Every structure is written in C-alpha cells, then in structure tokens.
C-alpha atoms as a PDB file:
ATOM      1  CA  MET A   1     -50.584 196.048 218.006  1.00  0.00           C
ATOM      2  CA  GLU A   2     -52.481 197.845 221.114  1.00  0.00           C
ATOM      3  CA  VAL A   3     -52.912 201.507 221.092  1.00  0.00           C
ATOM      4  CA  LYS A   4     -53.486 203.010 224.147  1.00  0.00           C
ATOM      5  CA  LEU A   5     -54.706 206.583 224.563  1.00  0.00           C
ATOM      6  CA  LYS A   6     -53.865 208.600 227.987  1.00  0.00           C
ATOM      7  CA  LEU A   7     -57.392 210.526 226.667  1.00  0.00           C
ATOM      8  CA  ASN A   8     -60.814 209.792 225.847  1.00  0.00           C
ATOM      9  CA  ALA A   9     -63.906 212.520 224.786  1.00  0.00           C
ATOM     10  CA  LYS A  10     -65.782 210.996 228.350  1.00  0.00           C
ATOM     11  CA  LYS A  11     -61.867 211.855 229.770  1.00  0.00           C
ATOM     12  CA  ILE A  12     -61.697 215.400 228.440  1.00  0.00           C
ATOM     13  CA  LEU A  13     -65.145 216.245 228.726  1.00  0.00           C
ATOM     14  CA  GLU A  14     -65.309 215.645 232.172  1.00  0.00           C
ATOM     15  CA  LYS A  15     -62.181 217.073 233.099  1.00  0.00           C
ATOM     16  CA  LYS A  16     -61.794 220.225 236.233  1.00  0.00           C
ATOM     17  CA  PHE A  17     -59.654 223.223 235.724  1.00  0.00           C
ATOM     18  CA  THR A  18     -58.582 224.959 238.714  1.00  0.00           C
ATOM     19  CA  PRO A  19     -59.358 228.580 238.827  1.00  0.00           C
ATOM     20  CA  ASN A  20     -57.052 231.131 237.992  1.00  0.00           C
ATOM     21  CA  VAL A  21     -57.550 234.735 238.486  1.00  0.00           C
ATOM     22  CA  ALA A  22     -54.990 235.277 235.533  1.00  0.00           C
ATOM     23  CA  GLY A  23     -56.141 231.902 234.142  1.00  0.00           C
ATOM     24  CA  TYR A  24     -57.960 231.425 230.701  1.00  0.00           C
ATOM     25  CA  ASP A  25     -61.804 232.463 229.574  1.00  0.00           C
ATOM     26  CA  PRO A  26     -63.669 229.407 229.961  1.00  0.00           C
ATOM     27  CA  LYS A  27     -66.070 230.011 227.165  1.00  0.00           C
ATOM     28  CA  GLU A  28     -62.742 229.669 225.165  1.00  0.00           C
ATOM     29  CA  VAL A  29     -61.353 227.129 226.790  1.00  0.00           C
ATOM     30  CA  ASP A  30     -64.629 225.098 226.714  1.00  0.00           C
ATOM     31  CA  LYS A  31     -65.196 225.795 223.161  1.00  0.00           C
ATOM     32  CA  TYR A  32     -61.177 224.463 221.822  1.00  0.00           C
ATOM     33  CA  LEU A  33     -62.194 220.896 224.778  1.00  0.00           C
ATOM     34  CA  ASP A  34     -65.544 220.417 222.751  1.00  0.00           C
ATOM     35  CA  GLN A  35     -63.070 220.406 219.250  1.00  0.00           C
ATOM     36  CA  ILE A  36     -60.897 217.729 221.126  1.00  0.00           C
ATOM     37  CA  ILE A  37     -63.777 215.628 222.237  1.00  0.00           C
ATOM     38  CA  LYS A  38     -65.239 215.475 218.804  1.00  0.00           C
ATOM     39  CA  ASP A  39     -61.759 214.293 217.367  1.00  0.00           C
ATOM     40  CA  TYR A  40     -61.404 212.042 220.419  1.00  0.00           C
ATOM     41  CA  LYS A  41     -64.525 210.473 218.910  1.00  0.00           C
ATOM     42  CA  THR A  42     -64.092 210.325 215.488  1.00  0.00           C
ATOM     43  CA  LEU A  43     -61.170 208.885 216.599  1.00  0.00           C
ATOM     44  CA  GLU A  44     -62.373 205.840 218.846  1.00  0.00           C
ATOM     45  CA  GLU A  45     -64.801 205.294 215.713  1.00  0.00           C
ATOM     46  CA  ILE A  46     -62.309 205.085 213.607  1.00  0.00           C
ATOM     47  CA  LEU A  47     -58.749 203.736 215.184  1.00  0.00           C
ATOM     48  CA  PRO A  48     -60.357 199.946 215.587  1.00  0.00           C
ATOM     49  CA  GLN A  49     -61.779 199.647 211.941  1.00  0.00           C
ATOM     50  CA  LEU A  50     -58.397 201.375 210.712  1.00  0.00           C
ATOM     51  CA  ILE A  51     -56.625 198.893 212.880  1.00  0.00           C
ATOM     52  CA  LYS A  52     -58.302 195.601 211.308  1.00  0.00           C
ATOM     53  CA  SER A  53     -58.015 196.783 208.049  1.00  0.00           C
ATOM     54  CA  TYR A  54     -53.719 196.986 208.434  1.00  0.00           C
ATOM     55  CA  GLU A  55     -53.970 193.671 210.210  1.00  0.00           C
ATOM     56  CA  ARG A  56     -56.213 192.588 207.080  1.00  0.00           C
ATOM     57  CA  ALA A  57     -53.333 193.862 204.732  1.00  0.00           C
ATOM     58  CA  ILE A  58     -50.683 192.648 206.812  1.00  0.00           C
ATOM     59  CA  LYS A  59     -51.861 188.836 206.631  1.00  0.00           C
ATOM     60  CA  SER A  60     -52.396 188.756 203.305  1.00  0.00           C
ATOM     61  CA  LEU A  61     -48.777 190.861 202.436  1.00  0.00           C
ATOM     62  CA  GLU A  62     -47.528 187.747 204.478  1.00  0.00           C
ATOM     63  CA  ASP A  63     -49.325 185.393 202.765  1.00  0.00           C
ATOM     64  CA  GLU A  64     -48.284 186.567 199.627  1.00  0.00           C
ATOM     65  CA  ILE A  65     -45.107 186.257 201.086  1.00  0.00           C
ATOM     66  CA  LYS A  66     -45.288 182.136 201.634  1.00  0.00           C
ATOM     67  CA  ARG A  67     -46.781 181.961 198.776  1.00  0.00           C
ATOM     68  CA  LEU A  68     -44.023 183.660 196.416  1.00  0.00           C
ATOM     69  CA  GLY A  69     -41.734 181.272 198.477  1.00  0.00           C
ATOM     70  CA  GLU A  70     -43.459 178.298 197.555  1.00  0.00           C
ATOM     71  CA  VAL A  71     -43.362 179.302 194.182  1.00  0.00           C
ATOM     72  CA  ASP A  72     -39.567 179.908 194.043  1.00  0.00           C
ATOM     73  CA  ALA A  73     -38.854 176.963 195.322  1.00  0.00           C
ATOM     74  CA  LYS A  74     -41.139 175.157 192.615  1.00  0.00           C
ATOM     75  CA  ASN A  75     -39.080 177.430 190.140  1.00  0.00           C
ATOM     76  CA  LYS A  76     -35.827 176.383 192.219  1.00  0.00           C
ATOM     77  CA  LEU A  77     -37.175 172.388 191.494  1.00  0.00           C
ATOM     78  CA  ILE A  78     -38.179 173.139 187.459  1.00  0.00           C
ATOM     79  CA  GLU A  79     -34.843 174.960 187.158  1.00  0.00           C
ATOM     80  CA  ASP A  80     -32.763 172.079 188.201  1.00  0.00           C
ATOM     81  CA  LYS A  81     -34.752 169.639 186.580  1.00  0.00           C
ATOM     82  CA  LEU A  82     -34.345 171.329 183.476  1.00  0.00           C
ATOM     83  CA  LYS A  83     -30.541 171.547 184.074  1.00  0.00           C
ATOM     84  CA  VAL A  84     -30.498 167.596 184.163  1.00  0.00           C
ATOM     85  CA  LEU A  85     -32.468 167.665 181.158  1.00  0.00           C
ATOM     86  CA  ASN A  86     -29.924 169.351 178.618  1.00  0.00           C
ATOM     87  CA  LYS A  87     -27.470 167.706 180.443  1.00  0.00           C
ATOM     88  CA  ASN A  88     -28.998 164.393 179.262  1.00  0.00           C
ATOM     89  CA  LYS A  89     -30.030 166.074 175.776  1.00  0.00           C
ATOM     90  CA  TYR A  90     -26.390 166.749 175.596  1.00  0.00           C
ATOM     91  CA  ILE A  91     -25.189 163.631 176.029  1.00  0.00           C
ATOM     92  CA  ALA A  92     -27.822 161.764 174.202  1.00  0.00           C
ATOM     93  CA  LEU A  93     -26.789 164.270 171.149  1.00  0.00           C
ATOM     94  CA  GLU A  94     -23.513 163.523 171.511  1.00  0.00           C
ATOM     95  CA  ARG A  95     -24.333 159.659 171.387  1.00  0.00           C
ATOM     96  CA  VAL A  96     -26.356 159.914 168.208  1.00  0.00           C
ATOM     97  CA  ASP A  97     -22.827 162.019 166.598  1.00  0.00           C
ATOM     98  CA  LEU A  98     -20.593 159.040 167.664  1.00  0.00           C
ATOM     99  CA  LEU A  99     -23.248 156.759 165.884  1.00  0.00           C
ATOM    100  CA  VAL A 100     -23.481 158.632 163.094  1.00  0.00           C
ATOM    101  CA  ARG A 101     -19.587 158.876 162.393  1.00  0.00           C
ATOM    102  CA  ILE A 102     -19.622 155.618 163.018  1.00  0.00           C
ATOM    103  CA  ASP A 103     -22.074 154.608 160.599  1.00  0.00           C
ATOM    104  CA  LYS A 104     -20.385 156.259 157.911  1.00  0.00           C
ATOM    105  CA  LEU A 105     -16.904 154.873 158.735  1.00  0.00           C
ATOM    106  CA  GLU A 106     -18.557 151.480 158.688  1.00  0.00           C
ATOM    107  CA  ARG A 107     -20.001 152.154 155.446  1.00  0.00           C
ATOM    108  CA  ALA A 108     -16.656 153.349 153.608  1.00  0.00           C
ATOM    109  CA  LEU A 109     -15.115 150.691 155.147  1.00  0.00           C
ATOM    110  CA  TYR A 110     -18.176 148.374 153.242  1.00  0.00           C
ATOM    111  CA  LYS A 111     -16.954 150.251 150.017  1.00  0.00           C
ATOM    112  CA  GLU A 112     -13.479 149.052 150.351  1.00  0.00           C
ATOM    113  CA  GLY A 113     -14.520 145.727 150.467  1.00  0.00           C
ATOM    114  CA  VAL A 114     -13.876 145.189 154.462  1.00  0.00           C
ATOM    115  CA  ASN A 115     -16.140 143.806 157.034  1.00  0.00           C
ATOM    116  CA  PRO A 116     -16.132 146.044 160.034  1.00  0.00           C
ATOM    117  CA  ASN A 117     -17.140 142.887 162.309  1.00  0.00           C
ATOM    118  CA  LYS A 118     -14.618 140.941 161.289  1.00  0.00           C
ATOM    119  CA  ILE A 119     -11.527 143.787 162.271  1.00  0.00           C
ATOM    120  CA  VAL A 120     -10.210 143.272 165.962  1.00  0.00           C
END
C-alpha cells in the first residue's frame, strides 16, 4: 500500500500566495502554514515506519492464518483416524462379546455331556 500525499513540508514552505487587497494577514497565514509544515514533517517521518509496522503485522497474521489452517487440517485427519479406530474398537468388542457367548454355550453343552465340536 503506497500513500501519496499531494503536499509535503517543502511544497508548503515554498507556496506563494497571490496578494489580494481584501486578503488575509500574511503573518497569520505564515504562522498557520508553519504549523502545517511541522505536522507534515512529523507525518513524513512516522508514516513509513507505520506502514512497515502494519505490513509486518499483516504478514504475521497471514502466517498465523496459514498455520491455523494447517492445524485444522491435521485435527481433521486425527478426528478421521479416531473415528476409524473407534469403529474398529466397536467391531472388536462385538467379536469378543460373540466369542464370550459362544464359550458360555459350549461350556453349557459340555456340562450336558454334548461335544459341541461334533454337532453338525
């Protein structure tokens, strides 16, 4: 972002006004212009530093946005992996539950004197 001022301290200082019979008091105009020149000099000194400071802040925020986007992508990947793990865990628990039930049924059959391996 480039800021272009139409005036600077030197242009204000060197400005010549056309005399007018009903014009303003030249001393008063000079005093006011001196105040403007002082403000412009301050602005000319501070503005480049402010622009650089804002550019650094913008760059830092853009970097942070990029980093947070990467973190979000990683978090999404982790969430997806957790969903798969939880699904697999649920399936494994179901299988364990079935094995426990089969074991109980086989024990009950053995108690009754029936060999479950010979049942067709």
